[in-house]
Protein backbone atom coordinates (compact mmCIF):
# COMPACT_ATOMS: atom_id res chain seq x y z
CA MET A 1 0.00 0.00 0.00
CA ASP A 2 1.28 3.44 -0.91
CA PHE A 3 0.57 5.83 1.97
CA ASN A 4 1.48 8.88 -0.12
CA ILE A 5 -1.72 10.30 -1.55
CA THR A 6 -2.53 13.75 -2.86
CA ALA A 7 -5.04 16.13 -1.29
CA GLY A 8 -7.44 15.34 -4.14
CA GLU A 9 -7.08 11.61 -3.56
CA GLU A 10 -7.61 12.12 0.17
CA ALA A 11 -10.83 14.04 -0.52
CA VAL A 12 -12.08 11.16 -2.69
CA VAL A 13 -11.23 8.62 0.03
CA PHE A 14 -13.23 10.56 2.61
CA HIS A 15 -16.09 11.05 0.15
CA VAL A 16 -16.27 7.32 -0.57
CA ALA A 17 -16.08 6.64 3.18
CA SER A 18 -19.00 8.99 3.77
CA LEU A 19 -21.10 7.34 1.06
CA VAL A 20 -20.36 3.85 2.38
CA GLN A 21 -21.15 4.98 5.93
CA ASP A 22 -24.52 6.20 4.62
CA GLY A 23 -25.20 2.69 3.31
CA LEU A 24 -24.46 3.42 -0.35
CA SER A 25 -22.28 1.34 -2.64
CA PRO A 26 -20.90 3.80 -5.20
CA THR A 27 -19.39 2.75 -8.50
CA ASP A 28 -16.86 4.71 -10.53
CA ASP A 29 -19.72 5.82 -12.79
CA ASP A 30 -21.71 7.07 -9.78
CA LEU A 31 -18.78 9.14 -8.59
CA ALA A 32 -18.06 10.47 -12.10
CA ALA A 33 -21.71 11.53 -12.44
CA GLU A 34 -21.59 13.23 -9.04
CA LEU A 35 -18.09 14.73 -9.05
CA GLY A 36 -17.21 14.92 -12.74
CA GLU A 37 -15.09 12.84 -15.07
CA GLU A 38 -11.90 14.25 -13.55
CA VAL A 39 -12.45 11.90 -10.58
CA ARG A 40 -11.65 8.82 -12.70
CA PRO A 41 -7.83 9.26 -12.67
CA LEU A 42 -7.98 9.76 -8.89
CA LEU A 43 -10.01 6.57 -8.50
CA HIS A 44 -7.56 4.65 -10.67
CA SER A 45 -4.65 5.94 -8.62
CA LEU A 46 -6.34 5.06 -5.33
CA LEU A 47 -7.11 1.56 -6.60
CA SER A 48 -3.50 1.03 -7.67
CA LYS A 49 -2.20 2.39 -4.35
CA GLY A 50 -4.45 0.04 -2.39
CA TRP A 51 -6.71 2.63 -0.79
CA LEU A 52 -9.84 1.52 -2.64
CA VAL A 53 -11.09 -1.90 -3.64
CA VAL A 54 -13.72 -2.80 -6.18
CA ASP A 55 -16.01 -5.83 -6.17
CA GLU A 56 -17.51 -7.83 -9.02
CA ASP A 57 -20.38 -5.31 -9.31
CA ARG A 58 -17.85 -2.45 -9.70
CA GLU A 59 -18.85 -1.08 -6.29
CA LEU A 60 -16.09 0.82 -4.53
CA ALA A 61 -15.10 0.40 -0.90
CA LEU A 62 -12.20 1.35 1.29
CA SER A 63 -9.46 -1.21 1.84
CA ALA A 64 -9.01 -2.44 5.41
CA ILE A 65 -6.03 -0.18 5.98
CA ALA A 66 -7.83 2.82 4.45
CA ARG A 67 -10.80 2.20 6.76
CA HIS A 68 -8.41 2.28 9.71
CA VAL A 69 -6.78 5.51 8.53
CA VAL A 70 -10.15 7.19 7.95
CA SER A 71 -11.43 5.99 11.33
CA SER A 72 -8.31 7.22 13.10
CA ARG A 73 -8.51 10.59 11.39
CA THR A 74 -12.21 11.13 12.15
CA ASP A 75 -11.71 10.03 15.77
CA ALA A 76 -8.90 12.58 16.16
CA GLN A 77 -11.10 15.37 14.77
CA ALA A 78 -13.96 14.64 17.19
């Protein structure tokens, strides 16, 4: 896993985390429709770095380590 992510990638990670927490299972197409096509390279990068995983239905989720990082960060902000 590559822990070096850009601010844009970090924003996407937290956005996906928020959607998943709300019970949604976003796909790359869902995020592109919501955030614009420019999100696709960020998604690809996050997938290759191990921050996001995709299932057979193309639904995106955070990797186990990414979930831990997001949880740790939101706990620290509370």
